[in-house]
Amino acid sequence: TGDDNSSVANSIYYRSSGNLSWAMDFQEVWDYPFEDTDVQNAYFNFYNWVTSGGTSNPDWFENVSGNRDESLIYRPYGISKK
């Protein structure tokens, strides 16, 4: 599609037009943003983590001060990771 920036010749797979991953796999519960909310808006350090290849801000998804905008995080039935 027009949003796919994959390039077999350059070994780039499953990337958006902005070179962000199409999917993420978490080994723990993740407090995800509301539907139609850009992850970058909800999690302030996400972009730095992605563009650094995972070396910068490895805790970007954790509930620590300065990492996220709580008003954009979905809370199913009021439950969240503590």
Protein backbone atom coordinates (compact mmCIF):
# COMPACT_ATOMS: atom_id res chain seq x y z
CA THR A 1 0.00 0.00 0.00
CA GLY A 2 1.00 3.65 -0.04
CA ASP A 3 1.90 3.46 3.65
CA ASP A 4 4.36 0.59 3.18
CA ASN A 5 8.02 1.63 3.07
CA SER A 6 9.33 -1.95 2.84
CA SER A 7 12.31 -2.48 0.56
CA VAL A 8 13.56 -6.01 -0.08
CA ALA A 9 16.68 -4.62 -1.78
CA ASN A 10 17.57 -2.68 1.39
CA SER A 11 16.43 -5.38 3.87
CA ILE A 12 13.70 -3.10 5.25
CA TYR A 13 10.51 -4.99 6.07
CA TYR A 14 7.14 -4.04 7.51
CA ARG A 15 7.77 -0.31 7.89
CA SER A 16 5.36 2.58 7.63
CA SER A 17 6.00 5.51 5.34
CA GLY A 18 7.67 7.13 8.38
CA ASN A 19 9.88 4.03 8.88
CA LEU A 20 8.04 2.91 12.02
CA SER A 21 7.25 -0.76 12.72
CA TRP A 22 3.85 -2.11 11.76
CA ALA A 23 3.64 -4.37 14.82
CA MET A 24 5.07 -4.73 18.31
CA ASP A 25 5.40 -7.81 20.51
CA PHE A 26 5.39 -7.31 24.28
CA GLN A 27 6.38 -9.90 26.86
CA GLU A 28 4.22 -8.20 29.47
CA VAL A 29 0.91 -6.35 29.69
CA TRP A 30 1.02 -3.08 27.78
CA ASP A 31 -1.25 -0.11 28.42
CA TYR A 32 -2.03 0.79 24.83
CA PRO A 33 -3.45 4.06 23.48
CA PHE A 34 -7.06 4.60 22.50
CA GLU A 35 -8.01 3.43 19.02
CA ASP A 36 -6.98 5.97 16.36
CA THR A 37 -4.41 7.51 18.73
CA ASP A 38 -0.88 7.65 17.36
CA VAL A 39 1.49 5.77 19.68
CA GLN A 40 3.91 8.70 19.38
CA ASN A 41 1.31 11.02 20.91
CA ALA A 42 0.55 8.71 23.82
CA TYR A 43 4.15 7.61 24.47
CA PHE A 44 6.59 10.49 24.31
CA ASN A 45 9.75 8.36 23.92
CA PHE A 46 8.44 5.85 21.39
CA TYR A 47 9.89 7.57 18.32
CA ASN A 48 13.35 7.88 19.92
CA TRP A 49 13.27 4.20 20.79
CA VAL A 50 12.27 3.10 17.28
CA THR A 51 14.70 5.32 15.40
CA SER A 52 17.59 4.33 17.69
CA GLY A 53 17.08 0.65 16.92
CA GLY A 54 15.96 0.07 20.50
CA THR A 55 19.03 1.48 22.24
CA SER A 56 17.46 4.78 23.38
CA ASN A 57 14.58 4.84 25.87
CA PRO A 58 14.15 1.05 26.23
CA ASP A 59 11.53 1.74 28.92
CA TRP A 60 9.41 3.96 26.62
CA PHE A 61 6.27 1.88 27.31
CA GLU A 62 6.55 1.74 31.11
CA ASN A 63 4.36 3.77 33.44
CA VAL A 64 7.06 6.12 34.68
CA SER A 65 7.10 9.90 34.87
CA GLY A 66 7.66 11.59 31.51
CA ASN A 67 6.94 8.53 29.38
CA ARG A 68 3.30 8.96 28.44
CA ASP A 69 0.15 11.05 28.27
CA GLU A 70 -2.27 9.29 30.63
CA SER A 71 -5.30 10.91 28.97
CA LEU A 72 -4.53 8.96 25.77
CA ILE A 73 -4.14 5.52 27.40
CA TYR A 74 -7.07 3.09 27.10
CA ARG A 75 -8.28 1.62 30.40
CA PRO A 76 -10.54 -1.39 29.83
CA TYR A 77 -12.93 -1.57 32.78
CA GLY A 78 -10.71 0.80 34.74
CA ILE A 79 -7.89 -1.78 34.98
CA SER A 80 -4.32 -0.77 34.29
CA LYS A 81 -0.85 -2.13 34.87
CA LYS A 82 0.68 -0.80 38.07
